[in-house]
Amino acid sequence: MAPDTVSQANNPPALSLRWTRRVSLTWRILAVNIFAIAMLGGGLLYLDSYREQIIQERLDQERQSIWLLAHALERLDQPDRIAMMIAVSRRYASRVRLYDSTGTLQMDSFVLAPPTYALRDPANEPWQRHAARLLDQGFDGLVNAQRIDKYVERQPDQLQNWPEAVEARDTARTQARMRYAPDRTPMISAAIALPRGSGVLFTSYNARDITRIVRAERTNLALIVLTTALVSILFSLFLARTIVKPLRRLASAAVRVRLGRAREVVVPRLPSRGDEIGLLARSLSDMSLALRQKIDATEAFAADVSHELKNPLASLRSALEGLGSVKDEALRAQLFDIACSDVRRLDRLITDISEASRVDAQLTRTRFEPIDLGEMIENLLEVRRARGLNDDREIVFARPRRGVAVVMGEGTRLERVISNLLDNAVSFSPPGGLVRIEATQVRTDEQWRVLVRVIDEGPGVLPSEREEIFRRFHSARPEGEAFGQHSGLGLAIARTIIEGHHGTISADDRDDGEPGACFDISLPGIDPDGLPISPA
């Protein structure tokens, strides 16, 4: 069973999601945008402080007004007092009452003249007003507003029935208070003791405009919040659609690739998108194609291995079966030699196959170090001469100065590449032939690269075969060589190693027009300190 594609090991802590890991990306986008709208909607709650500010201003205003009225009444005689109280009541839609020092009502503007306001009975109002009051109570509950007393006209109408009036008489200071009328609109009242202690002046009025102002602002803000929320949700859904839908298509294609139920799984590339989603789509598409090529190469390699192993095995089986039935000692010796040759061939095949199968994976885990190719090639040639691996061919190497041919790589692998190319050059070169090795710096595309060339005097490589020779188990061998002496994996392994070092390897004709092949290796160059070589 395939392993999970996400685990704690490959999911960095900085990117891990805990409580949101089971929440769809669509809902996350909506939640973020709605949260922002909710923060804006919180402004509805702050309307309570706006209302409190208005009420406080009205209370202060009422204290100043009643102070002015009290000092004006103190200087007027009885008829003028009555006229003044009626005028103030009409002008400010208020009720003005005057109590004597014993608390008895002396004058009342609602008795002296028609009332300027009337308290509304909620039972006689339409349902819309009831709904508005319920909404007001709901907002008061949300903000935990202070409890406000109800305004009720006292009977009998005496000073003692109004706490602010009693407090004003006892403290000789202006007092103001707010209560709720039966329809839950503010009632602003104020009281002040007359300057000469002749009584207490008490005013009240129904500030219905405060309720209208607050409700209008609340309605406007609610409409703004609702409109913003609607637009935000629509944009969030659009954003989620443009992100989530392609991601789901990519995830579905990735699952099909993982399951491997379809031979060719087409991962959408989304060419019209130039954002990160499009980049991800194209990266996944390229990855799936590379994976498919890897799988195909692995399957082809397995088939080639099976085919290559069958031949020596069949020959070995025939030789062993003949040994059991042949009595001629000369023929038995010949069959024994064949069996030994097949065993060596199998050993060579298995060794090269093992090397070819793991070299690519090992390169991805290898830590590259600065390698001086000049020094490495020189040491390799000394070993070959000591072991007699060059037959009667001569290998010459013009060693570059130290630090010229330095690359980042893995020394053993790069040495294997040069060794494979030298084996190939020696096997194709005629007896007494010359094999030359060159290593130098070349400048390509504003970058310095190290070029290594292996030049032989063999028959050369036909243009039609210059790519085929790098395929695994390529069977073209020099004339006169005994069958089975090479596995056909040397050049394939060399290309794998060079490409793992971000380089290239190719075959071409010699530059001087003479018969022979020239193998070019190009690798990124660095200086001895491990830094890329920059042009002078």
Protein backbone atom coordinates (compact mmCIF):
# COMPACT_ATOMS: atom_id res chain seq x y z
CA MET A 1 0.00 0.00 0.00
CA ALA A 2 1.33 3.45 -0.87
CA PRO A 3 2.50 5.56 2.07
CA ASP A 4 0.77 8.74 3.07
CA THR A 5 1.88 11.74 1.10
CA VAL A 6 1.85 13.95 4.20
CA SER A 7 3.49 13.09 7.47
CA GLN A 8 4.95 14.90 10.44
CA ALA A 9 8.38 14.27 8.97
CA ASN A 10 7.77 16.12 5.73
CA ASN A 11 5.34 18.76 7.03
CA PRO A 12 7.41 21.60 8.60
CA PRO A 13 6.09 22.83 11.99
CA ALA A 14 5.80 26.36 10.58
CA LEU A 15 3.31 25.10 7.96
CA SER A 16 1.41 22.61 10.13
CA LEU A 17 -2.30 23.23 10.73
CA ARG A 18 -3.82 21.98 13.95
CA TRP A 19 -7.42 22.93 14.62
CA THR A 20 -8.02 23.98 10.96
CA ARG A 21 -6.50 20.92 9.29
CA ARG A 22 -9.91 19.33 8.58
CA VAL A 23 -11.51 22.56 7.34
CA SER A 24 -11.89 23.07 3.62
CA LEU A 25 -9.89 25.86 2.00
CA THR A 26 -13.17 27.41 0.80
CA TRP A 27 -14.45 27.72 4.36
CA ARG A 28 -11.12 29.11 5.52
CA ILE A 29 -11.27 31.89 2.94
CA LEU A 30 -14.87 32.64 3.87
CA ALA A 31 -14.02 32.61 7.57
CA VAL A 32 -11.18 35.08 7.16
CA ASN A 33 -13.29 37.52 5.16
CA ILE A 34 -16.37 37.15 7.36
CA PHE A 35 -14.20 37.71 10.44
CA ALA A 36 -13.08 41.02 8.97
CA ILE A 37 -16.73 41.94 8.31
CA ALA A 38 -17.61 40.90 11.86
CA MET A 39 -14.98 43.31 13.13
CA LEU A 40 -16.67 46.03 11.10
CA GLY A 41 -20.04 44.88 12.40
CA GLY A 42 -18.74 45.39 15.90
CA GLY A 43 -19.20 49.07 15.18
CA LEU A 44 -22.90 48.48 15.78
CA LEU A 45 -22.09 47.80 19.40
CA TYR A 46 -20.12 51.02 19.71
CA LEU A 47 -23.28 52.93 18.88
CA ASP A 48 -24.12 52.47 22.55
CA SER A 49 -21.22 54.73 23.51
CA TYR A 50 -22.41 57.17 20.84
CA ARG A 51 -25.85 57.18 22.46
CA GLU A 52 -24.36 57.61 25.92
CA GLN A 53 -22.38 60.59 24.65
CA ILE A 54 -25.51 62.24 23.25
CA ILE A 55 -27.41 61.62 26.47
CA GLN A 56 -24.58 63.03 28.55
CA GLU A 57 -24.50 66.14 26.37
CA ARG A 58 -28.27 66.55 26.80
CA LEU A 59 -27.96 66.18 30.58
CA ASP A 60 -25.24 68.84 30.69
CA GLN A 61 -27.31 71.05 28.44
CA GLU A 62 -30.36 70.58 30.65
CA ARG A 63 -28.34 71.51 33.76
CA GLN A 64 -27.25 74.77 32.13
CA SER A 65 -30.75 75.53 30.86
CA ILE A 66 -32.46 74.97 34.20
CA TRP A 67 -29.79 77.07 35.95
CA LEU A 68 -30.48 79.97 33.62
CA LEU A 69 -34.24 79.51 33.98
CA ALA A 70 -34.04 79.37 37.79
CA HIS A 71 -32.09 82.63 37.99
CA ALA A 72 -34.47 84.27 35.54
CA LEU A 73 -37.59 83.21 37.48
CA GLU A 74 -36.06 84.45 40.75
CA ARG A 75 -36.13 88.01 39.39
CA LEU A 76 -39.69 87.91 38.04
CA ASP A 77 -43.00 88.50 39.72
CA GLN A 78 -45.81 85.97 39.64
CA PRO A 79 -47.40 86.87 36.25
CA ASP A 80 -44.08 87.06 34.52
CA ARG A 81 -43.03 83.74 36.05
CA ILE A 82 -46.08 82.08 34.56
CA ALA A 83 -45.41 83.63 31.17
CA MET A 84 -41.76 82.58 31.31
CA MET A 85 -42.61 78.95 32.26
CA ILE A 86 -45.15 78.70 29.40
CA ALA A 87 -42.72 80.17 26.88
CA VAL A 88 -39.90 77.83 27.88
CA SER A 89 -42.25 74.83 27.78
CA ARG A 90 -43.41 75.67 24.28
CA ARG A 91 -39.96 76.56 23.00
CA TYR A 92 -38.23 73.37 24.16
CA ALA A 93 -41.23 70.98 24.24
CA SER A 94 -40.67 70.42 27.92
CA ARG A 95 -42.64 70.43 31.16
CA VAL A 96 -41.66 72.99 33.81
CA ARG A 97 -42.75 72.56 37.44
CA LEU A 98 -42.11 74.69 40.50
CA TYR A 99 -42.30 73.24 44.01
CA ASP A 100 -42.29 75.34 47.19
CA SER A 101 -40.00 74.73 50.13
CA THR A 102 -42.42 72.12 51.58
CA GLY A 103 -42.40 70.11 48.35
CA THR A 104 -45.90 71.10 47.21
CA LEU A 105 -46.46 71.79 43.52
CA GLN A 106 -47.03 75.50 43.00
CA MET A 107 -46.97 75.84 39.21
CA ASP A 108 -47.02 73.40 36.31
CA SER A 109 -46.64 74.45 32.66
CA PHE A 110 -48.89 71.56 31.58
CA VAL A 111 -51.64 73.07 33.78
CA LEU A 112 -50.99 76.63 32.82
CA ALA A 113 -50.96 75.78 29.09
CA PRO A 114 -51.61 72.78 26.82
CA PRO A 115 -49.01 69.96 27.19
CA THR A 116 -46.10 70.13 24.74
CA TYR A 117 -45.48 66.37 24.70
CA ALA A 118 -47.39 63.20 25.49
CA LEU A 119 -46.00 59.85 26.57
CA ARG A 120 -46.95 57.15 24.10
CA ASP A 121 -48.56 53.90 25.16
CA PRO A 122 -46.67 50.97 23.52
CA ALA A 123 -49.88 48.96 23.42
CA ASN A 124 -51.29 51.35 20.82
CA GLU A 125 -48.18 51.30 18.52
CA PRO A 126 -47.69 49.14 15.40
CA TRP A 127 -45.53 45.96 15.44
CA GLN A 128 -42.63 47.76 13.76
CA ARG A 129 -42.14 49.87 16.90
CA HIS A 130 -42.24 46.74 19.07
CA ALA A 131 -39.58 45.16 16.84
CA ALA A 132 -37.41 48.27 17.06
CA ARG A 133 -37.65 48.24 20.89
CA LEU A 134 -36.74 44.55 20.98
CA LEU A 135 -33.73 45.32 18.79
CA ASP A 136 -32.74 48.13 21.15
CA GLN A 137 -33.01 45.78 24.12
CA GLY A 138 -30.94 43.19 22.26
CA PHE A 139 -28.11 45.64 21.64
CA ASP A 140 -28.27 46.79 25.28
CA GLY A 141 -27.91 43.17 26.32
CA LEU A 142 -24.89 42.66 24.00
CA VAL A 143 -23.04 45.65 25.40
CA ASN A 144 -24.21 44.93 28.95
CA ALA A 145 -25.67 48.41 29.19
CA GLN A 146 -26.51 49.86 32.60
CA ARG A 147 -30.10 49.32 33.72
CA ILE A 148 -32.22 52.47 33.28
CA ASP A 149 -35.27 53.23 35.44
CA LYS A 150 -38.70 53.77 33.92
CA TYR A 151 -40.25 57.20 33.87
CA VAL A 152 -43.65 57.30 35.58
CA GLU A 153 -45.64 60.41 36.43
CA ARG A 154 -46.08 60.41 40.24
CA GLN A 155 -49.44 60.87 41.87
CA PRO A 156 -49.74 62.98 43.82
CA ASP A 157 -47.19 65.17 42.13
CA GLN A 158 -44.88 66.15 45.01
CA LEU A 159 -41.20 66.99 45.31
CA GLN A 160 -40.49 63.87 47.36
CA ASN A 161 -41.48 61.65 44.40
CA TRP A 162 -38.53 62.88 42.29
CA PRO A 163 -35.14 61.75 43.68
CA GLU A 164 -33.19 64.29 41.64
CA ALA A 165 -35.37 67.11 42.97
CA VAL A 166 -34.83 65.99 46.57
CA GLU A 167 -31.09 65.75 45.96
CA ALA A 168 -31.01 69.20 44.36
CA ARG A 169 -32.80 70.71 47.40
CA ASP A 170 -30.54 68.96 49.90
CA THR A 171 -27.22 69.63 48.11
CA ALA A 172 -28.07 73.00 46.55
CA ARG A 173 -26.57 71.67 43.30
CA THR A 174 -28.13 71.15 39.89
CA GLN A 175 -29.13 67.52 39.28
CA ALA A 176 -30.09 65.78 36.02
CA ARG A 177 -31.23 62.28 35.23
CA MET A 178 -32.31 60.10 32.33
CA ARG A 179 -35.12 57.52 32.44
CA TYR A 180 -37.00 55.51 29.84
CA ALA A 181 -40.50 56.51 28.85
CA PRO A 182 -43.06 53.69 28.44
CA ASP A 183 -42.14 53.45 24.73
CA ARG A 184 -38.43 53.21 25.74
CA THR A 185 -37.47 56.69 24.56
CA PRO A 186 -35.24 58.85 26.80
CA MET A 187 -36.83 61.19 29.35
CA ILE A 188 -34.41 63.91 30.41
CA SER A 189 -35.21 65.61 33.74
CA ALA A 190 -33.35 68.23 35.79
CA ALA A 191 -33.85 69.94 39.13
CA ILE A 192 -32.33 72.97 40.88
CA ALA A 193 -33.00 74.76 44.13
CA LEU A 194 -34.00 78.39 43.67
CA PRO A 195 -31.26 80.80 44.77
CA ARG A 196 -33.12 82.15 47.82
CA GLY A 197 -34.38 78.79 49.03
CA SER A 198 -37.93 79.58 47.97
CA GLY A 199 -38.43 76.25 46.25
CA VAL A 200 -37.17 73.78 43.64
CA LEU A 201 -37.50 74.08 39.86
CA PHE A 202 -38.03 70.78 38.00
CA THR A 203 -38.02 70.27 34.19
CA SER A 204 -38.54 67.20 32.01
CA TYR A 205 -38.87 66.47 28.32
CA ASN A 206 -39.14 63.44 26.05
CA ALA A 207 -35.92 63.28 23.96
CA ARG A 208 -37.38 61.11 21.24
CA ASP A 209 -34.90 62.50 18.73
CA ILE A 210 -32.05 60.63 20.49
CA THR A 211 -33.74 57.31 19.74
CA ARG A 212 -34.34 58.34 16.13
CA ILE A 213 -30.71 59.41 15.67
CA VAL A 214 -29.28 56.22 17.16
CA ARG A 215 -31.64 53.98 15.21
CA ALA A 216 -30.90 55.81 11.95
CA GLU A 217 -27.14 55.46 12.48
CA ARG A 218 -27.58 51.82 13.42
CA THR A 219 -29.65 51.18 10.29
CA ASN A 220 -27.11 52.90 8.04
CA LEU A 221 -24.23 50.98 9.60
CA ALA A 222 -26.16 47.70 9.39
CA LEU A 223 -26.83 48.31 5.68
CA ILE A 224 -23.13 49.04 5.11
CA VAL A 225 -22.11 45.90 6.99
CA LEU A 226 -24.64 43.72 5.16
CA THR A 227 -23.64 45.11 1.77
CA THR A 228 -19.96 44.70 2.57
CA ALA A 229 -20.58 41.18 3.86
CA LEU A 230 -22.49 40.24 0.71
CA VAL A 231 -19.78 41.61 -1.57
CA SER A 232 -17.07 39.99 0.57
CA ILE A 233 -18.80 36.61 0.47
CA LEU A 234 -19.21 36.81 -3.29
CA PHE A 235 -15.55 37.72 -3.75
CA SER A 236 -14.56 35.01 -1.28
CA LEU A 237 -16.52 32.42 -3.23
CA PHE A 238 -14.95 33.66 -6.45
CA LEU A 239 -11.48 33.53 -4.89
CA ALA A 240 -12.16 30.09 -3.46
CA ARG A 241 -13.39 28.89 -6.85
CA THR A 242 -10.28 30.18 -8.63
CA ILE A 243 -8.04 28.53 -6.03
CA VAL A 244 -9.87 25.46 -4.76
CA LYS A 245 -11.21 24.14 -8.07
CA PRO A 246 -7.84 23.95 -9.86
CA LEU A 247 -6.23 22.56 -6.70
CA ARG A 248 -8.83 19.82 -6.59
CA ARG A 249 -8.16 19.01 -10.25
CA LEU A 250 -4.44 18.82 -9.52
CA ALA A 251 -5.04 16.69 -6.42
CA SER A 252 -7.28 14.32 -8.39
CA ALA A 253 -4.63 13.96 -11.10
CA ALA A 254 -1.95 13.41 -8.45
CA VAL A 255 -4.05 10.64 -6.89
CA ARG A 256 -4.44 8.96 -10.27
CA VAL A 257 -0.69 9.19 -10.77
CA ARG A 258 -0.10 7.65 -7.34
CA LEU A 259 -2.57 4.84 -7.94
CA GLY A 260 -1.07 4.19 -11.36
CA ARG A 261 -4.35 2.93 -12.80
CA ALA A 262 -3.95 4.86 -16.03
CA ARG A 263 -0.96 4.49 -18.29
CA GLU A 264 -0.90 8.16 -19.18
CA VAL A 265 -2.35 10.56 -16.61
CA VAL A 266 -2.69 14.10 -17.95
CA VAL A 267 -2.04 16.65 -15.19
CA PRO A 268 -3.66 19.97 -16.18
CA ARG A 269 -0.99 22.60 -16.91
CA LEU A 270 -3.37 25.63 -16.69
CA PRO A 271 -1.43 27.66 -19.27
CA SER A 272 -3.75 30.66 -18.94
CA ARG A 273 -2.77 31.21 -15.30
CA GLY A 274 0.38 33.13 -14.57
CA ASP A 275 0.07 32.97 -10.79
CA GLU A 276 1.36 30.45 -8.23
CA ILE A 277 -1.47 28.02 -9.03
CA GLY A 278 -0.39 27.95 -12.68
CA LEU A 279 3.24 27.52 -11.63
CA LEU A 280 2.22 24.64 -9.36
CA ALA A 281 0.16 23.03 -12.14
CA ARG A 282 3.01 23.17 -14.62
CA SER A 283 5.47 21.92 -12.02
CA LEU A 284 3.21 18.97 -11.19
CA SER A 285 2.72 18.26 -14.88
CA ASP A 286 6.45 18.27 -15.51
CA MET A 287 6.98 16.14 -12.40
CA SER A 288 4.41 13.57 -13.54
CA LEU A 289 6.00 13.43 -17.00
CA ALA A 290 9.44 12.98 -15.44
CA LEU A 291 8.02 10.32 -13.15
CA ARG A 292 6.44 8.54 -16.09
CA GLN A 293 9.73 8.67 -17.96
CA LYS A 294 11.47 7.27 -14.88
CA ILE A 295 8.94 4.45 -14.64
CA ASP A 296 9.24 3.70 -18.35
CA ALA A 297 13.03 3.75 -18.10
CA THR A 298 12.90 1.43 -15.10
CA GLU A 299 10.57 -0.97 -16.90
CA ALA A 300 12.75 -0.88 -20.01
CA PHE A 301 15.85 -1.40 -17.88
CA ALA A 302 14.25 -4.38 -16.17
CA ALA A 303 13.33 -5.86 -19.55
CA ASP A 304 16.84 -5.26 -20.86
CA VAL A 305 18.38 -6.82 -17.76
CA SER A 306 16.20 -9.87 -18.15
CA HIS A 307 17.17 -10.16 -21.80
CA GLU A 308 20.90 -9.65 -21.16
CA LEU A 309 20.97 -12.21 -18.33
CA LYS A 310 19.17 -14.86 -20.34
CA ASN A 311 21.92 -15.18 -22.94
CA PRO A 312 24.82 -16.09 -20.60
CA LEU A 313 22.48 -18.18 -18.47
CA ALA A 314 21.35 -20.17 -21.51
CA SER A 315 24.95 -20.63 -22.60
CA LEU A 316 25.97 -21.63 -19.09
CA ARG A 317 23.15 -24.13 -18.81
CA SER A 318 24.05 -25.69 -22.16
CA ALA A 319 27.71 -25.99 -21.14
CA LEU A 320 26.84 -27.56 -17.79
CA GLU A 321 24.42 -30.00 -19.37
CA GLY A 322 27.11 -30.95 -21.94
CA LEU A 323 29.63 -31.57 -19.17
CA GLY A 324 27.37 -34.25 -17.81
CA SER A 325 27.02 -36.14 -21.10
CA VAL A 326 30.27 -35.51 -23.02
CA LYS A 327 33.09 -38.01 -22.44
CA ASP A 328 35.74 -36.39 -24.63
CA GLU A 329 38.18 -34.63 -22.32
CA ALA A 330 39.12 -31.98 -24.90
CA LEU A 331 35.46 -31.17 -25.49
CA ARG A 332 34.80 -31.18 -21.74
CA ALA A 333 37.65 -28.71 -21.24
CA GLN A 334 36.19 -26.50 -23.94
CA LEU A 335 32.75 -26.62 -22.31
CA PHE A 336 34.32 -25.84 -18.95
CA ASP A 337 36.02 -22.76 -20.42
CA ILE A 338 32.70 -21.66 -21.88
CA ALA A 339 31.02 -22.07 -18.49
CA CYS A 340 33.76 -20.07 -16.74
CA SER A 341 33.48 -17.34 -19.37
CA ASP A 342 29.72 -17.19 -18.88
CA VAL A 343 30.15 -16.96 -15.12
CA ARG A 344 32.58 -14.05 -15.52
CA ARG A 345 30.20 -12.42 -17.96
CA LEU A 346 27.33 -12.81 -15.50
CA ASP A 347 29.46 -11.37 -12.69
CA ARG A 348 30.40 -8.39 -14.88
CA LEU A 349 26.77 -7.87 -15.91
CA ILE A 350 25.47 -8.05 -12.37
CA THR A 351 28.15 -5.64 -11.13
CA ASP A 352 27.43 -3.09 -13.87
CA ILE A 353 23.68 -3.52 -13.54
CA SER A 354 23.94 -2.90 -9.80
CA GLU A 355 26.05 0.18 -10.42
CA ALA A 356 23.70 1.52 -13.10
CA SER A 357 20.61 0.98 -10.95
CA ARG A 358 21.87 2.81 -7.88
CA VAL A 359 24.14 5.53 -9.24
CA ASP A 360 21.31 8.01 -9.83
CA ALA A 361 19.84 7.54 -6.35
CA GLN A 362 23.25 7.76 -4.69
CA LEU A 363 24.10 11.02 -6.46
CA THR A 364 21.04 12.70 -4.91
CA ARG A 365 22.38 11.88 -1.43
CA THR A 366 26.05 12.63 -2.09
CA ARG A 367 27.67 15.79 -0.72
CA PHE A 368 29.67 17.39 -3.52
CA GLU A 369 33.17 18.72 -2.88
CA PRO A 370 35.66 20.68 -5.00
CA ILE A 371 37.44 18.21 -7.33
CA ASP A 372 40.50 19.10 -9.41
CA LEU A 373 39.93 17.03 -12.55
CA GLY A 374 43.51 17.56 -13.71
CA GLU A 375 44.93 15.95 -10.58
CA MET A 376 42.28 13.22 -10.60
CA ILE A 377 42.95 12.25 -14.26
CA GLU A 378 46.69 12.24 -13.65
CA ASN A 379 46.33 9.85 -10.70
CA LEU A 380 43.93 7.65 -12.71
CA LEU A 381 46.42 7.32 -15.58
CA GLU A 382 49.17 6.26 -13.15
CA VAL A 383 46.91 3.51 -11.79
CA ARG A 384 46.00 2.32 -15.28
CA ARG A 385 49.63 2.16 -16.36
CA ALA A 386 50.56 0.25 -13.22
CA ARG A 387 47.78 -2.28 -13.78
CA GLY A 388 48.40 -2.60 -17.52
CA LEU A 389 44.88 -1.59 -18.50
CA ASN A 390 45.94 0.38 -21.59
CA ASP A 391 47.17 -2.70 -23.55
CA ASP A 392 49.65 -1.33 -26.09
CA ARG A 393 47.76 1.97 -26.58
CA GLU A 394 49.34 5.19 -25.43
CA ILE A 395 47.36 7.69 -23.36
CA VAL A 396 48.66 11.23 -23.14
CA PHE A 397 47.32 14.00 -20.95
CA ALA A 398 48.30 17.65 -21.05
CA ARG A 399 47.70 18.48 -17.41
CA PRO A 400 46.32 22.02 -16.95
CA ARG A 401 47.70 24.27 -14.24
CA ARG A 402 46.32 23.74 -10.78
CA GLY A 403 42.89 25.27 -10.14
CA VAL A 404 41.86 25.50 -13.81
CA ALA A 405 39.76 22.31 -14.03
CA VAL A 406 38.05 22.40 -10.62
CA VAL A 407 34.40 21.32 -10.36
CA MET A 408 31.97 20.50 -7.58
CA GLY A 409 31.31 16.79 -7.52
CA GLU A 410 31.91 13.33 -6.11
CA GLY A 411 35.42 12.17 -6.95
CA THR A 412 34.79 8.43 -7.17
CA ARG A 413 31.91 8.89 -9.60
CA LEU A 414 33.75 11.32 -11.84
CA GLU A 415 36.74 8.99 -11.87
CA ARG A 416 34.38 6.21 -13.00
CA VAL A 417 33.26 8.37 -15.93
CA ILE A 418 36.81 9.05 -17.12
CA SER A 419 37.71 5.38 -16.62
CA ASN A 420 34.70 4.24 -18.70
CA LEU A 421 35.61 6.65 -21.50
CA LEU A 422 39.22 5.49 -21.46
CA ASP A 423 38.13 1.84 -21.55
CA ASN A 424 35.94 2.64 -24.51
CA ALA A 425 38.70 4.60 -26.30
CA VAL A 426 41.30 1.86 -25.68
CA SER A 427 38.99 -0.88 -26.94
CA PHE A 428 38.20 0.98 -30.19
CA SER A 429 41.69 2.33 -30.88
CA PRO A 430 43.99 0.22 -33.14
CA PRO A 431 47.10 -1.44 -31.64
CA GLY A 432 49.72 1.21 -30.92
CA GLY A 433 47.07 3.91 -31.20
CA LEU A 434 47.08 7.20 -29.30
CA VAL A 435 44.40 8.35 -26.89
CA ARG A 436 44.50 12.02 -25.88
CA ILE A 437 42.84 13.69 -22.90
CA GLU A 438 42.34 17.43 -22.64
CA ALA A 439 40.96 19.51 -19.74
CA THR A 440 40.44 23.24 -20.00
CA GLN A 441 38.09 26.14 -19.29
CA VAL A 442 35.55 27.40 -21.82
CA ARG A 443 33.09 30.26 -21.62
CA THR A 444 29.47 29.56 -22.57
CA ASP A 445 26.39 31.69 -21.86
CA GLU A 446 28.23 34.11 -19.57
CA GLN A 447 29.50 31.21 -17.46
CA TRP A 448 32.82 29.42 -17.21
CA ARG A 449 32.68 25.66 -17.64
CA VAL A 450 35.28 22.92 -17.50
CA LEU A 451 35.56 20.90 -20.73
CA VAL A 452 37.16 17.43 -20.67
CA ARG A 453 37.77 15.69 -24.02
CA VAL A 454 38.77 12.08 -24.67
CA ILE A 455 39.99 11.62 -28.27
CA ASP A 456 40.85 8.24 -29.82
CA GLU A 457 41.99 6.95 -33.22
CA GLY A 458 39.27 4.38 -33.67
CA PRO A 459 36.61 4.18 -36.41
CA GLY A 460 34.58 6.98 -34.82
CA VAL A 461 30.86 7.09 -34.12
CA LEU A 462 28.27 7.41 -36.86
CA PRO A 463 25.98 10.46 -36.48
CA SER A 464 22.96 8.15 -36.31
CA GLU A 465 24.44 6.32 -33.31
CA ARG A 466 25.76 9.23 -31.25
CA GLU A 467 22.77 9.07 -28.94
CA GLU A 468 22.24 5.33 -29.14
CA ILE A 469 25.68 4.57 -27.67
CA PHE A 470 24.58 6.17 -24.38
CA ARG A 471 21.62 3.83 -24.07
CA ARG A 472 21.86 0.89 -21.71
CA PHE A 473 23.09 -2.40 -23.14
CA HIS A 474 24.13 -0.85 -26.44
CA SER A 475 25.81 -3.74 -28.27
CA ALA A 476 28.13 -2.04 -30.81
CA ARG A 477 31.66 -3.35 -30.12
CA PRO A 478 35.00 -3.16 -31.96
CA GLU A 479 35.83 -5.78 -34.56
CA GLY A 480 37.69 -8.80 -33.28
CA GLU A 481 36.56 -8.41 -29.65
CA ALA A 482 35.20 -11.59 -28.10
CA PHE A 483 31.46 -11.54 -27.40
CA GLY A 484 30.46 -10.70 -23.84
CA GLN A 485 33.59 -8.78 -22.86
CA HIS A 486 31.53 -5.64 -22.05
CA SER A 487 28.10 -5.16 -20.53
CA GLY A 488 27.10 -2.19 -22.70
CA LEU A 489 26.43 -0.06 -19.60
CA GLY A 490 29.65 1.98 -19.39
CA LEU A 491 28.57 4.99 -21.42
CA ALA A 492 25.05 4.91 -19.94
CA ILE A 493 26.52 5.03 -16.44
CA ALA A 494 28.85 7.86 -17.52
CA ARG A 495 25.96 9.98 -18.80
CA THR A 496 23.94 9.37 -15.63
CA ILE A 497 26.84 10.52 -13.47
CA ILE A 498 27.59 13.61 -15.57
CA GLU A 499 23.94 14.70 -15.67
CA GLY A 500 23.82 14.21 -11.90
CA HIS A 501 26.62 16.78 -11.75
CA HIS A 502 24.59 19.25 -13.87
CA GLY A 503 26.83 18.59 -16.88
CA THR A 504 26.58 17.14 -20.38
CA ILE A 505 28.39 14.42 -22.28
CA SER A 506 28.31 13.87 -26.03
CA ALA A 507 30.16 12.14 -28.87
CA ASP A 508 31.43 13.85 -32.02
CA ASP A 509 34.06 13.65 -34.73
CA ARG A 510 37.61 14.79 -34.15
CA ASP A 511 38.28 18.47 -34.83
CA ASP A 512 41.30 17.71 -37.05
CA GLY A 513 39.28 15.57 -39.48
CA GLU A 514 41.27 12.41 -38.70
CA PRO A 515 39.45 9.11 -38.05
CA GLY A 516 38.35 8.63 -34.47
CA ALA A 517 35.83 9.74 -31.88
CA CYS A 518 35.84 12.69 -29.51
CA PHE A 519 33.85 12.51 -26.27
CA ASP A 520 33.15 15.91 -24.69
CA ILE A 521 32.28 16.37 -21.01
CA SER A 522 31.09 19.81 -19.89
CA LEU A 523 30.74 20.63 -16.17
CA PRO A 524 30.15 23.91 -14.25
CA GLY A 525 33.53 25.31 -13.19
CA ILE A 526 34.48 26.70 -9.78
CA ASP A 527 37.60 28.23 -8.28
CA PRO A 528 39.69 26.33 -5.69
CA ASP A 529 37.67 27.97 -2.86
CA GLY A 530 34.46 26.41 -4.11
CA LEU A 531 33.00 29.53 -5.76
CA PRO A 532 31.67 29.67 -9.35
CA ILE A 533 34.23 30.99 -11.80
CA SER A 534 33.15 34.40 -13.10
CA PRO A 535 34.39 35.84 -16.40
CA ALA A 536 37.37 38.17 -16.20
